[in-house]
Amino acid sequence: MISSRVLASIIGAYALAVVLIAPRVTYADSVAQPPTVTVSFSGLNLDTRAGVETLYRRIQFAASEVCEQYEPHGTLVPSAAFRGCIREAVAGAVRKVDSPLLTAYFSERDDHHALNTASR
């Protein structure tokens, strides 16, 4: 028969394993089924810089809503997971819209972000 001390150690080890593994499983599930938000651009002219800028702002706002689960609370510094989620969500939306001006605008902004990050 297993002593209560050994049983408590086994339960403790199991609980620790669940605590350490559960966030990874939850993250993997959320990646497999990412949330989505519909961004309307029916009233925008994507042949103009103003239209592209407006749509890009809408896409960024929607991305921040979708990625909110990765935003750290209690700090002003966004986590790498949050920044990566925003970047991927925006890039995916830009690809879906398939507008040359929006793609160029995104590339300008993304290159500028990459340069700012590299200079730190």
PDB file of N, CA and C in Angstrom:
ATOM      1  N   MET A   1       0.840  -1.179   0.000  1.00  0.00           N
ATOM      2  CA  MET A   1       0.000   0.000   0.000  1.00  0.00           C
ATOM      3  C   MET A   1       0.882   1.239   0.000  1.00  0.00           C
ATOM      4  N   ILE A   2       0.456   2.258  -0.702  1.00  0.00           N
ATOM      5  CA  ILE A   2       1.230   3.489  -0.819  1.00  0.00           C
ATOM      6  C   ILE A   2       0.980   4.357   0.404  1.00  0.00           C
ATOM      7  N   SER A   3       2.050   4.862   0.971  1.00  0.00           N
ATOM      8  CA  SER A   3       1.899   5.715   2.149  1.00  0.00           C
ATOM      9  C   SER A   3       1.322   7.074   1.740  1.00  0.00           C
ATOM     10  N   SER A   4       0.723   7.756   2.692  1.00  0.00           N
ATOM     11  CA  SER A   4       0.091   9.045   2.404  1.00  0.00           C
ATOM     12  C   SER A   4       1.126  10.076   1.959  1.00  0.00           C
ATOM     13  N   ARG A   5       2.337   9.942   2.454  1.00  0.00           N
ATOM     14  CA  ARG A   5       3.399  10.886   2.065  1.00  0.00           C
ATOM     15  C   ARG A   5       3.779  10.696   0.583  1.00  0.00           C
ATOM     16  N   VAL A   6       3.917   9.459   0.147  1.00  0.00           N
ATOM     17  CA  VAL A   6       4.232   9.156  -1.245  1.00  0.00           C
ATOM     18  C   VAL A   6       3.075   9.586  -2.139  1.00  0.00           C
ATOM     19  N   LEU A   7       1.852   9.298  -1.698  1.00  0.00           N
ATOM     20  CA  LEU A   7       0.668   9.687  -2.465  1.00  0.00           C
ATOM     21  C   LEU A   7       0.598  11.209  -2.611  1.00  0.00           C
ATOM     22  N   ALA A   8       0.889  11.924  -1.553  1.00  0.00           N
ATOM     23  CA  ALA A   8       0.884  13.385  -1.614  1.00  0.00           C
ATOM     24  C   ALA A   8       1.951  13.892  -2.582  1.00  0.00           C
ATOM     25  N   SER A   9       3.107  13.228  -2.599  1.00  0.00           N
ATOM     26  CA  SER A   9       4.171  13.621  -3.534  1.00  0.00           C
ATOM     27  C   SER A   9       3.755  13.377  -4.971  1.00  0.00           C
ATOM     28  N   ILE A  10       3.086  12.236  -5.221  1.00  0.00           N
ATOM     29  CA  ILE A  10       2.629  11.922  -6.577  1.00  0.00           C
ATOM     30  C   ILE A  10       1.574  12.939  -7.024  1.00  0.00           C
ATOM     31  N   ILE A  11       0.638  13.242  -6.145  1.00  0.00           N
ATOM     32  CA  ILE A  11      -0.400  14.226  -6.472  1.00  0.00           C
ATOM     33  C   ILE A  11       0.224  15.600  -6.704  1.00  0.00           C
ATOM     34  N   GLY A  12       1.185  15.963  -5.882  1.00  0.00           N
ATOM     35  CA  GLY A  12       1.861  17.244  -6.048  1.00  0.00           C
ATOM     36  C   GLY A  12       2.599  17.331  -7.372  1.00  0.00           C
ATOM     37  N   ALA A  13       3.284  16.242  -7.738  1.00  0.00           N
ATOM     38  CA  ALA A  13       4.005  16.216  -9.018  1.00  0.00           C
ATOM     39  C   ALA A  13       3.029  16.292 -10.177  1.00  0.00           C
ATOM     40  N   TYR A  14       1.914  15.583 -10.074  1.00  0.00           N
ATOM     41  CA  TYR A  14       0.893  15.623 -11.120  1.00  0.00           C
ATOM     42  C   TYR A  14       0.319  17.037 -11.254  1.00  0.00           C
ATOM     43  N   ALA A  15       0.006  17.669 -10.132  1.00  0.00           N
ATOM     44  CA  ALA A  15      -0.543  19.023 -10.157  1.00  0.00           C
ATOM     45  C   ALA A  15       0.443  19.996 -10.788  1.00  0.00           C
ATOM     46  N   LEU A  16       1.712  19.862 -10.463  1.00  0.00           N
ATOM     47  CA  LEU A  16       2.735  20.724 -11.045  1.00  0.00           C
ATOM     48  C   LEU A  16       2.821  20.520 -12.556  1.00  0.00           C
ATOM     49  N   ALA A  17       2.774  19.262 -12.988  1.00  0.00           N
ATOM     50  CA  ALA A  17       2.817  18.972 -14.422  1.00  0.00           C
ATOM     51  C   ALA A  17       1.620  19.586 -15.135  1.00  0.00           C
ATOM     52  N   VAL A  18       0.441  19.492 -14.540  1.00  0.00           N
ATOM     53  CA  VAL A  18      -0.766  20.078 -15.145  1.00  0.00           C
ATOM     54  C   VAL A  18      -0.616  21.595 -15.252  1.00  0.00           C
ATOM     55  N   VAL A  19      -0.110  22.212 -14.209  1.00  0.00           N
ATOM     56  CA  VAL A  19       0.059  23.672 -14.225  1.00  0.00           C
ATOM     57  C   VAL A  19       1.064  24.103 -15.289  1.00  0.00           C
ATOM     58  N   LEU A  20       2.127  23.334 -15.461  1.00  0.00           N
ATOM     59  CA  LEU A  20       3.149  23.699 -16.436  1.00  0.00           C
ATOM     60  C   LEU A  20       2.738  23.384 -17.878  1.00  0.00           C
ATOM     61  N   ILE A  21       1.972  22.325 -18.071  1.00  0.00           N
ATOM     62  CA  ILE A  21       1.596  21.911 -19.423  1.00  0.00           C
ATOM     63  C   ILE A  21       0.323  22.585 -19.903  1.00  0.00           C
ATOM     64  N   ALA A  22      -0.622  22.861 -19.049  1.00  0.00           N
ATOM     65  CA  ALA A  22      -1.921  23.417 -19.437  1.00  0.00           C
ATOM     66  C   ALA A  22      -1.819  24.703 -20.248  1.00  0.00           C
ATOM     67  N   PRO A  23      -0.966  25.660 -19.883  1.00  0.00           N
ATOM     68  CA  PRO A  23      -0.891  26.874 -20.714  1.00  0.00           C
ATOM     69  C   PRO A  23      -0.460  26.575 -22.151  1.00  0.00           C
ATOM     70  N   ARG A  24       0.427  25.622 -22.350  1.00  0.00           N
ATOM     71  CA  ARG A  24       0.860  25.272 -23.708  1.00  0.00           C
ATOM     72  C   ARG A  24      -0.278  24.644 -24.493  1.00  0.00           C
ATOM     73  N   VAL A  25      -1.049  23.790 -23.867  1.00  0.00           N
ATOM     74  CA  VAL A  25      -2.181  23.159 -24.535  1.00  0.00           C
ATOM     75  C   VAL A  25      -3.223  24.209 -24.875  1.00  0.00           C
ATOM     76  N   THR A  26      -3.515  25.091 -23.946  1.00  0.00           N
ATOM     77  CA  THR A  26      -4.479  26.167 -24.189  1.00  0.00           C
ATOM     78  C   THR A  26      -3.994  27.044 -25.324  1.00  0.00           C
ATOM     79  N   TYR A  27      -2.709  27.389 -25.334  1.00  0.00           N
ATOM     80  CA  TYR A  27      -2.163  28.219 -26.405  1.00  0.00           C
ATOM     81  C   TYR A  27      -2.265  27.504 -27.747  1.00  0.00           C
ATOM     82  N   ALA A  28      -1.947  26.228 -27.774  1.00  0.00           N
ATOM     83  CA  ALA A  28      -2.012  25.468 -29.026  1.00  0.00           C
ATOM     84  C   ALA A  28      -3.439  25.420 -29.543  1.00  0.00           C
ATOM     85  N   ASP A  29      -4.417  25.238 -28.655  1.00  0.00           N
ATOM     86  CA  ASP A  29      -5.815  25.227 -29.080  1.00  0.00           C
ATOM     87  C   ASP A  29      -6.231  26.576 -29.639  1.00  0.00           C
ATOM     88  N   SER A  30      -5.780  27.656 -29.011  1.00  0.00           N
ATOM     89  CA  SER A  30      -6.173  28.978 -29.478  1.00  0.00           C
ATOM     90  C   SER A  30      -5.509  29.321 -30.809  1.00  0.00           C
ATOM     91  N   VAL A  31      -4.323  28.769 -31.070  1.00  0.00           N
ATOM     92  CA  VAL A  31      -3.653  29.004 -32.345  1.00  0.00           C
ATOM     93  C   VAL A  31      -4.372  28.242 -33.459  1.00  0.00           C
ATOM     94  N   ALA A  32      -4.838  27.045 -33.154  1.00  0.00           N
ATOM     95  CA  ALA A  32      -5.520  26.235 -34.158  1.00  0.00           C
ATOM     96  C   ALA A  32      -6.841  26.870 -34.581  1.00  0.00           C
ATOM     97  N   GLN A  33      -7.524  27.529 -33.690  1.00  0.00           N
ATOM     98  CA  GLN A  33      -8.803  28.173 -33.964  1.00  0.00           C
ATOM     99  C   GLN A  33      -8.725  29.648 -33.581  1.00  0.00           C
ATOM    100  N   PRO A  34      -7.973  30.454 -34.327  1.00  0.00           N
ATOM    101  CA  PRO A  34      -7.833  31.853 -33.933  1.00  0.00           C
ATOM    102  C   PRO A  34      -9.150  32.606 -34.095  1.00  0.00           C
ATOM    103  N   PRO A  35      -9.424  33.515 -33.184  1.00  0.00           N
ATOM    104  CA  PRO A  35     -10.633  34.320 -33.315  1.00  0.00           C
ATOM    105  C   PRO A  35     -10.515  35.261 -34.511  1.00  0.00           C
ATOM    106  N   THR A  36     -11.634  35.668 -35.040  1.00  0.00           N
ATOM    107  CA  THR A  36     -11.631  36.581 -36.192  1.00  0.00           C
ATOM    108  C   THR A  36     -12.570  37.754 -35.939  1.00  0.00           C
ATOM    109  N   VAL A  37     -12.306  38.836 -36.632  1.00  0.00           N
ATOM    110  CA  VAL A  37     -13.145  40.028 -36.614  1.00  0.00           C
ATOM    111  C   VAL A  37     -13.282  40.478 -38.060  1.00  0.00           C
ATOM    112  N   THR A  38     -14.490  40.820 -38.457  1.00  0.00           N
ATOM    113  CA  THR A  38     -14.720  41.308 -39.815  1.00  0.00           C
ATOM    114  C   THR A  38     -14.473  42.810 -39.854  1.00  0.00           C
ATOM    115  N   VAL A  39     -13.678  43.239 -40.811  1.00  0.00           N
ATOM    116  CA  VAL A  39     -13.369  44.654 -40.990  1.00  0.00           C
ATOM    117  C   VAL A  39     -14.012  45.107 -42.294  1.00  0.00           C
ATOM    118  N   SER A  40     -14.900  46.083 -42.190  1.00  0.00           N
ATOM    119  CA  SER A  40     -15.596  46.573 -43.378  1.00  0.00           C
ATOM    120  C   SER A  40     -14.766  47.652 -44.068  1.00  0.00           C
ATOM    121  N   PHE A  41     -14.686  47.561 -45.386  1.00  0.00           N
ATOM    122  CA  PHE A  41     -14.016  48.613 -46.148  1.00  0.00           C
ATOM    123  C   PHE A  41     -14.792  48.942 -47.408  1.00  0.00           C
ATOM    124  N   SER A  42     -16.085  48.657 -47.399  1.00  0.00           N
ATOM    125  CA  SER A  42     -16.910  48.869 -48.589  1.00  0.00           C
ATOM    126  C   SER A  42     -16.989  50.345 -48.988  1.00  0.00           C
ATOM    127  N   GLY A  43     -16.924  51.255 -48.037  1.00  0.00           N
ATOM    128  CA  GLY A  43     -17.018  52.676 -48.356  1.00  0.00           C
ATOM    129  C   GLY A  43     -15.679  53.348 -48.600  1.00  0.00           C
ATOM    130  N   LEU A  44     -14.611  52.572 -48.634  1.00  0.00           N
ATOM    131  CA  LEU A  44     -13.277  53.160 -48.786  1.00  0.00           C
ATOM    132  C   LEU A  44     -12.768  52.994 -50.209  1.00  0.00           C
ATOM    133  N   ASN A  45     -12.054  53.986 -50.673  1.00  0.00           N
ATOM    134  CA  ASN A  45     -11.402  53.911 -51.980  1.00  0.00           C
ATOM    135  C   ASN A  45      -9.952  53.482 -51.746  1.00  0.00           C
ATOM    136  N   LEU A  46      -9.658  52.233 -52.070  1.00  0.00           N
ATOM    137  CA  LEU A  46      -8.312  51.709 -51.826  1.00  0.00           C
ATOM    138  C   LEU A  46      -7.323  52.090 -52.912  1.00  0.00           C
ATOM    139  N   ASP A  47      -7.757  52.978 -53.810  1.00  0.00           N
ATOM    140  CA  ASP A  47      -6.847  53.537 -54.808  1.00  0.00           C
ATOM    141  C   ASP A  47      -6.266  54.856 -54.329  1.00  0.00           C
ATOM    142  N   THR A  48      -6.620  55.260 -53.099  1.00  0.00           N
ATOM    143  CA  THR A  48      -6.088  56.497 -52.529  1.00  0.00           C
ATOM    144  C   THR A  48      -5.350  56.189 -51.224  1.00  0.00           C
ATOM    145  N   ARG A  49      -4.390  57.017 -50.926  1.00  0.00           N
ATOM    146  CA  ARG A  49      -3.621  56.838 -49.682  1.00  0.00           C
ATOM    147  C   ARG A  49      -4.536  56.994 -48.464  1.00  0.00           C
ATOM    148  N   ALA A  50      -5.479  57.929 -48.517  1.00  0.00           N
ATOM    149  CA  ALA A  50      -6.392  58.141 -47.383  1.00  0.00           C
ATOM    150  C   ALA A  50      -7.240  56.891 -47.133  1.00  0.00           C
ATOM    151  N   GLY A  51      -7.733  56.275 -48.176  1.00  0.00           N
ATOM    152  CA  GLY A  51      -8.530  55.062 -48.028  1.00  0.00           C
ATOM    153  C   GLY A  51      -7.711  53.921 -47.453  1.00  0.00           C
ATOM    154  N   VAL A  52      -6.503  53.783 -47.940  1.00  0.00           N
ATOM    155  CA  VAL A  52      -5.602  52.725 -47.459  1.00  0.00           C
ATOM    156  C   VAL A  52      -5.242  52.963 -45.991  1.00  0.00           C
ATOM    157  N   GLU A  53      -4.940  54.195 -45.623  1.00  0.00           N
ATOM    158  CA  GLU A  53      -4.597  54.503 -44.229  1.00  0.00           C
ATOM    159  C   GLU A  53      -5.772  54.212 -43.299  1.00  0.00           C
ATOM    160  N   THR A  54      -6.979  54.565 -43.731  1.00  0.00           N
ATOM    161  CA  THR A  54      -8.166  54.297 -42.913  1.00  0.00           C
ATOM    162  C   THR A  54      -8.364  52.803 -42.722  1.00  0.00           C
ATOM    163  N   LEU A  55      -8.256  52.039 -43.802  1.00  0.00           N
ATOM    164  CA  LEU A  55      -8.411  50.591 -43.695  1.00  0.00           C
ATOM    165  C   LEU A  55      -7.318  49.997 -42.820  1.00  0.00           C
ATOM    166  N   TYR A  56      -6.111  50.455 -42.959  1.00  0.00           N
ATOM    167  CA  TYR A  56      -5.009  49.925 -42.161  1.00  0.00           C
ATOM    168  C   TYR A  56      -5.257  50.162 -40.668  1.00  0.00           C
ATOM    169  N   ARG A  57      -5.753  51.347 -40.328  1.00  0.00           N
ATOM    170  CA  ARG A  57      -6.085  51.638 -38.921  1.00  0.00           C
ATOM    171  C   ARG A  57      -7.180  50.697 -38.426  1.00  0.00           C
ATOM    172  N   ARG A  58      -8.185  50.453 -39.261  1.00  0.00           N
ATOM    173  CA  ARG A  58      -9.262  49.535 -38.878  1.00  0.00           C
ATOM    174  C   ARG A  58      -8.718  48.125 -38.664  1.00  0.00           C
ATOM    175  N   ILE A  59      -7.832  47.702 -39.541  1.00  0.00           N
ATOM    176  CA  ILE A  59      -7.232  46.369 -39.418  1.00  0.00           C
ATOM    177  C   ILE A  59      -6.417  46.276 -38.129  1.00  0.00           C
ATOM    178  N   GLN A  60      -5.647  47.308 -37.825  1.00  0.00           N
ATOM    179  CA  GLN A  60      -4.853  47.299 -36.594  1.00  0.00           C
ATOM    180  C   GLN A  60      -5.743  47.234 -35.359  1.00  0.00           C
ATOM    181  N   PHE A  61      -6.834  47.998 -35.382  1.00  0.00           N
ATOM    182  CA  PHE A  61      -7.759  47.987 -34.248  1.00  0.00           C
ATOM    183  C   PHE A  61      -8.366  46.599 -34.071  1.00  0.00           C
ATOM    184  N   ALA A  62      -8.801  45.991 -35.175  1.00  0.00           N
ATOM    185  CA  ALA A  62      -9.379  44.650 -35.124  1.00  0.00           C
ATOM    186  C   ALA A  62      -8.340  43.642 -34.627  1.00  0.00           C
ATOM    187  N   ALA A  63      -7.102  43.779 -35.086  1.00  0.00           N
ATOM    188  CA  ALA A  63      -6.037  42.875 -34.645  1.00  0.00           C
ATOM    189  C   ALA A  63      -5.797  43.000 -33.147  1.00  0.00           C
ATOM    190  N   SER A  64      -5.842  44.213 -32.631  1.00  0.00           N
ATOM    191  CA  SER A  64      -5.632  44.388 -31.188  1.00  0.00           C
ATOM    192  C   SER A  64      -6.767  43.762 -30.391  1.00  0.00           C
ATOM    193  N   GLU A  65      -7.989  43.773 -30.936  1.00  0.00           N
ATOM    194  CA  GLU A  65      -9.110  43.105 -30.262  1.00  0.00           C
ATOM    195  C   GLU A  65      -8.913  41.583 -30.271  1.00  0.00           C
ATOM    196  N   VAL A  66      -8.527  41.053 -31.428  1.00  0.00           N
ATOM    197  CA  VAL A  66      -8.339  39.611 -31.569  1.00  0.00           C
ATOM    198  C   VAL A  66      -7.186  39.125 -30.696  1.00  0.00           C
ATOM    199  N   CYS A  67      -6.149  39.911 -30.580  1.00  0.00           N
ATOM    200  CA  CYS A  67      -4.934  39.497 -29.857  1.00  0.00           C
ATOM    201  C   CYS A  67      -4.945  39.904 -28.391  1.00  0.00           C
ATOM    202  N   GLU A  68      -6.039  40.454 -27.928  1.00  0.00           N
ATOM    203  CA  GLU A  68      -6.122  40.961 -26.563  1.00  0.00           C
ATOM    204  C   GLU A  68      -5.738  39.909 -25.517  1.00  0.00           C
ATOM    205  N   GLN A  69      -6.011  38.641 -25.821  1.00  0.00           N
ATOM    206  CA  GLN A  69      -5.701  37.581 -24.865  1.00  0.00           C
ATOM    207  C   GLN A  69      -4.199  37.468 -24.581  1.00  0.00           C
ATOM    208  N   TYR A  70      -3.364  37.997 -25.474  1.00  0.00           N
ATOM    209  CA  TYR A  70      -1.913  37.932 -25.289  1.00  0.00           C
ATOM    210  C   TYR A  70      -1.336  39.214 -24.698  1.00  0.00           C
ATOM    211  N   GLU A  71      -2.203  40.196 -24.479  1.00  0.00           N
ATOM    212  CA  GLU A  71      -1.733  41.475 -23.953  1.00  0.00           C
ATOM    213  C   GLU A  71      -1.469  41.348 -22.457  1.00  0.00           C
ATOM    214  N   PRO A  72      -0.276  41.709 -22.028  1.00  0.00           N
ATOM    215  CA  PRO A  72       0.032  41.599 -20.602  1.00  0.00           C
ATOM    216  C   PRO A  72      -0.718  42.671 -19.814  1.00  0.00           C
ATOM    217  N   HIS A  73      -1.168  42.292 -18.651  1.00  0.00           N
ATOM    218  CA  HIS A  73      -1.883  43.240 -17.795  1.00  0.00           C
ATOM    219  C   HIS A  73      -0.947  43.717 -16.685  1.00  0.00           C
ATOM    220  N   GLY A  74      -1.047  44.976 -16.354  1.00  0.00           N
ATOM    221  CA  GLY A  74      -0.224  45.523 -15.296  1.00  0.00           C
ATOM    222  C   GLY A  74       1.120  46.047 -15.762  1.00  0.00           C
ATOM    223  N   THR A  75       1.315  46.108 -17.071  1.00  0.00           N
ATOM    224  CA  THR A  75       2.566  46.644 -17.601  1.00  0.00           C
ATOM    225  C   THR A  75       2.278  47.448 -18.859  1.00  0.00           C
ATOM    226  N   LEU A  76       3.118  48.403 -19.133  1.00  0.00           N
ATOM    227  CA  LEU A  76       2.956  49.220 -20.334  1.00  0.00           C
ATOM    228  C   LEU A  76       3.703  48.644 -21.530  1.00  0.00           C
ATOM    229  N   VAL A  77       4.498  47.609 -21.284  1.00  0.00           N
ATOM    230  CA  VAL A  77       5.304  47.007 -22.338  1.00  0.00           C
ATOM    231  C   VAL A  77       4.553  45.805 -22.914  1.00  0.00           C
ATOM    232  N   PRO A  78       4.229  45.834 -24.212  1.00  0.00           N
ATOM    233  CA  PRO A  78       3.522  44.687 -24.794  1.00  0.00           C
ATOM    234  C   PRO A  78       4.428  43.458 -24.869  1.00  0.00           C
ATOM    235  N   SER A  79       3.835  42.304 -24.672  1.00  0.00           N
ATOM    236  CA  SER A  79       4.616  41.063 -24.713  1.00  0.00           C
ATOM    237  C   SER A  79       4.976  40.716 -26.153  1.00  0.00           C
ATOM    238  N   ALA A  80       5.956  39.856 -26.293  1.00  0.00           N
ATOM    239  CA  ALA A  80       6.356  39.384 -27.623  1.00  0.00           C
ATOM    240  C   ALA A  80       5.206  38.619 -28.276  1.00  0.00           C
ATOM    241  N   ALA A  81       4.444  37.877 -27.489  1.00  0.00           N
ATOM    242  CA  ALA A  81       3.302  37.126 -28.036  1.00  0.00           C
ATOM    243  C   ALA A  81       2.244  38.084 -28.573  1.00  0.00           C
ATOM    244  N   PHE A  82       1.989  39.157 -27.851  1.00  0.00           N
ATOM    245  CA  PHE A  82       1.000  40.150 -28.286  1.00  0.00           C
ATOM    246  C   PHE A  82       1.473  40.837 -29.569  1.00  0.00           C
ATOM    247  N   ARG A  83       2.723  41.265 -29.585  1.00  0.00           N
ATOM    248  CA  ARG A  83       3.257  41.936 -30.783  1.00  0.00           C
ATOM    249  C   ARG A  83       3.244  41.000 -31.986  1.00  0.00           C
ATOM    250  N   GLY A  84       3.636  39.744 -31.767  1.00  0.00           N
ATOM    251  CA  GLY A  84       3.639  38.766 -32.851  1.00  0.00           C
ATOM    252  C   GLY A  84       2.238  38.477 -33.362  1.00  0.00           C
ATOM    253  N   CYS A  85       1.289  38.385 -32.459  1.00  0.00           N
ATOM    254  CA  CYS A  85      -0.103  38.147 -32.844  1.00  0.00           C
ATOM    255  C   CYS A  85      -0.619  39.303 -33.696  1.00  0.00           C
ATOM    256  N   ILE A  86      -0.357  40.526 -33.266  1.00  0.00           N
ATOM    257  CA  ILE A  86      -0.789  41.715 -34.024  1.00  0.00           C
ATOM    258  C   ILE A  86      -0.157  41.687 -35.413  1.00  0.00           C
ATOM    259  N   ARG A  87       1.142  41.444 -35.463  1.00  0.00           N
ATOM    260  CA  ARG A  87       1.861  41.448 -36.736  1.00  0.00           C
ATOM    261  C   ARG A  87       1.278  40.406 -37.699  1.00  0.00           C
ATOM    262  N   GLU A  88       1.033  39.194 -37.187  1.00  0.00           N
ATOM    263  CA  GLU A  88       0.486  38.125 -38.029  1.00  0.00           C
ATOM    264  C   GLU A  88      -0.948  38.414 -38.455  1.00  0.00           C
ATOM    265  N   ALA A  89      -1.744  38.949 -37.547  1.00  0.00           N
ATOM    266  CA  ALA A  89      -3.143  39.259 -37.876  1.00  0.00           C
ATOM    267  C   ALA A  89      -3.219  40.351 -38.945  1.00  0.00           C
ATOM    268  N   VAL A  90      -2.406  41.386 -38.797  1.00  0.00           N
ATOM    269  CA  VAL A  90      -2.407  42.480 -39.776  1.00  0.00           C
ATOM    270  C   VAL A  90      -1.896  41.968 -41.123  1.00  0.00           C
ATOM    271  N   ALA A  91      -0.818  41.206 -41.109  1.00  0.00           N
ATOM    272  CA  ALA A  91      -0.264  40.679 -42.362  1.00  0.00           C
ATOM    273  C   ALA A  91      -1.282  39.785 -43.070  1.00  0.00           C
ATOM    274  N   GLY A  92      -1.974  38.953 -42.314  1.00  0.00           N
ATOM    275  CA  GLY A  92      -2.983  38.081 -42.902  1.00  0.00           C
ATOM    276  C   GLY A  92      -4.132  38.859 -43.512  1.00  0.00           C
ATOM    277  N   ALA A  93      -4.574  39.911 -42.832  1.00  0.00           N
ATOM    278  CA  ALA A  93      -5.665  40.735 -43.350  1.00  0.00           C
ATOM    279  C   ALA A  93      -5.238  41.471 -44.617  1.00  0.00           C
ATOM    280  N   VAL A  94      -4.023  41.983 -44.624  1.00  0.00           N
ATOM    281  CA  VAL A  94      -3.511  42.688 -45.809  1.00  0.00           C
ATOM    282  C   VAL A  94      -3.449  41.731 -46.989  1.00  0.00           C
ATOM    283  N   ARG A  95      -2.985  40.520 -46.766  1.00  0.00           N
ATOM    284  CA  ARG A  95      -2.954  39.514 -47.842  1.00  0.00           C
ATOM    285  C   ARG A  95      -4.359  39.228 -48.374  1.00  0.00           C
ATOM    286  N   LYS A  96      -5.330  39.107 -47.473  1.00  0.00           N
ATOM    287  CA  LYS A  96      -6.693  38.793 -47.888  1.00  0.00           C
ATOM    288  C   LYS A  96      -7.309  39.910 -48.719  1.00  0.00           C
ATOM    289  N   VAL A  97      -7.048  41.152 -48.350  1.00  0.00           N
ATOM    290  CA  VAL A  97      -7.614  42.277 -49.098  1.00  0.00           C
ATOM    291  C   VAL A  97      -7.020  42.320 -50.498  1.00  0.00           C
ATOM    292  N   ASP A  98      -5.748  41.997 -50.618  1.00  0.00           N
ATOM    293  CA  ASP A  98      -5.071  41.911 -51.918  1.00  0.00           C
ATOM    294  C   ASP A  98      -5.143  43.223 -52.705  1.00  0.00           C
ATOM    295  N   SER A  99      -4.793  44.306 -52.024  1.00  0.00           N
ATOM    296  CA  SER A  99      -4.740  45.624 -52.661  1.00  0.00           C
ATOM    297  C   SER A  99      -3.274  46.046 -52.767  1.00  0.00           C
ATOM    298  N   PRO A 100      -2.800  46.376 -53.966  1.00  0.00           N
ATOM    299  CA  PRO A 100      -1.387  46.765 -54.109  1.00  0.00           C
ATOM    300  C   PRO A 100      -0.991  47.948 -53.224  1.00  0.00           C
ATOM    301  N   LEU A 101      -1.847  48.958 -53.124  1.00  0.00           N
ATOM    302  CA  LEU A 101      -1.500  50.115 -52.288  1.00  0.00           C
ATOM    303  C   LEU A 101      -1.480  49.755 -50.801  1.00  0.00           C
ATOM    304  N   LEU A 102      -2.428  48.924 -50.373  1.00  0.00           N
ATOM    305  CA  LEU A 102      -2.441  48.505 -48.972  1.00  0.00           C
ATOM    306  C   LEU A 102      -1.215  47.654 -48.665  1.00  0.00           C
ATOM    307  N   THR A 103      -0.858  46.774 -49.571  1.00  0.00           N
ATOM    308  CA  THR A 103       0.334  45.936 -49.388  1.00  0.00           C
ATOM    309  C   THR A 103       1.588  46.800 -49.299  1.00  0.00           C
ATOM    310  N   ALA A 104       1.689  47.799 -50.157  1.00  0.00           N
ATOM    311  CA  ALA A 104       2.842  48.708 -50.125  1.00  0.00           C
ATOM    312  C   ALA A 104       2.870  49.494 -48.814  1.00  0.00           C
ATOM    313  N   TYR A 105       1.708  49.967 -48.375  1.00  0.00           N
ATOM    314  CA  TYR A 105       1.620  50.725 -47.127  1.00  0.00           C
ATOM    315  C   TYR A 105       2.037  49.849 -45.948  1.00  0.00           C
ATOM    316  N   PHE A 106       1.547  48.607 -45.944  1.00  0.00           N
ATOM    317  CA  PHE A 106       1.928  47.664 -44.895  1.00  0.00           C
ATOM    318  C   PHE A 106       3.438  47.414 -44.912  1.00  0.00           C
ATOM    319  N   SER A 107       4.000  47.224 -46.094  1.00  0.00           N
ATOM    320  CA  SER A 107       5.444  46.978 -46.208  1.00  0.00           C
ATOM    321  C   SER A 107       6.248  48.150 -45.682  1.00  0.00           C
ATOM    322  N   GLU A 108       5.815  49.369 -45.991  1.00  0.00           N
ATOM    323  CA  GLU A 108       6.493  50.574 -45.468  1.00  0.00           C
ATOM    324  C   GLU A 108       6.480  50.565 -43.952  1.00  0.00           C
ATOM    325  N   ARG A 109       5.319  50.316 -43.375  1.00  0.00           N
ATOM    326  CA  ARG A 109       5.166  50.342 -41.930  1.00  0.00           C
ATOM    327  C   ARG A 109       5.940  49.190 -41.289  1.00  0.00           C
ATOM    328  N   ASP A 110       5.885  48.005 -41.892  1.00  0.00           N
ATOM    329  CA  ASP A 110       6.567  46.841 -41.339  1.00  0.00           C
ATOM    330  C   ASP A 110       8.086  47.020 -41.416  1.00  0.00           C
ATOM    331  N   ASP A 111       8.596  47.554 -42.525  1.00  0.00           N
ATOM    332  CA  ASP A 111      10.037  47.819 -42.659  1.00  0.00           C
ATOM    333  C   ASP A 111      10.474  48.850 -41.634  1.00  0.00           C
ATOM    334  N   HIS A 112       9.653  49.882 -41.426  1.00  0.00           N
ATOM    335  CA  HIS A 112       9.965  50.925 -40.449  1.00  0.00           C
ATOM    336  C   HIS A 112      10.013  50.316 -39.044  1.00  0.00           C
ATOM    337  N   HIS A 113       9.075  49.422 -38.740  1.00  0.00           N
ATOM    338  CA  HIS A 113       9.049  48.757 -37.435  1.00  0.00           C
ATOM    339  C   HIS A 113      10.303  47.894 -37.255  1.00  0.00           C
ATOM    340  N   ALA A 114      10.663  47.170 -38.297  1.00  0.00           N
ATOM    341  CA  ALA A 114      11.845  46.303 -38.226  1.00  0.00           C
ATOM    342  C   ALA A 114      13.118  47.130 -37.994  1.00  0.00           C
ATOM    343  N   LEU A 115      13.209  48.269 -38.656  1.00  0.00           N
ATOM    344  CA  LEU A 115      14.381  49.133 -38.457  1.00  0.00           C
ATOM    345  C   LEU A 115      14.420  49.692 -37.045  1.00  0.00           C
ATOM    346  N   ASN A 116      13.269  50.113 -36.518  1.00  0.00           N
ATOM    347  CA  ASN A 116      13.226  50.647 -35.153  1.00  0.00           C
ATOM    348  C   ASN A 116      13.577  49.572 -34.128  1.00  0.00           C
ATOM    349  N   THR A 117      13.117  48.369 -34.337  1.00  0.00           N
ATOM    350  CA  THR A 117      13.407  47.279 -33.409  1.00  0.00           C
ATOM    351  C   THR A 117      14.885  46.903 -33.478  1.00  0.00           C
ATOM    352  N   ALA A 118      15.454  46.868 -34.652  1.00  0.00           N
ATOM    353  CA  ALA A 118      16.858  46.495 -34.816  1.00  0.00           C
ATOM    354  C   ALA A 118      17.791  47.534 -34.217  1.00  0.00           C
ATOM    355  N   SER A 119      17.386  48.797 -34.186  1.00  0.00           N
ATOM    356  CA  SER A 119      18.265  49.854 -33.688  1.00  0.00           C
ATOM    357  C   SER A 119      18.287  49.925 -32.181  1.00  0.00           C
ATOM    358  N   ARG A 120      17.429  49.161 -31.491  1.00  0.00           N
ATOM    359  CA  ARG A 120      17.384  49.210 -30.023  1.00  0.00           C
ATOM    360  C   ARG A 120      18.433  48.370 -29.392  1.00  0.00           C
TER     361      ARG A 120
END
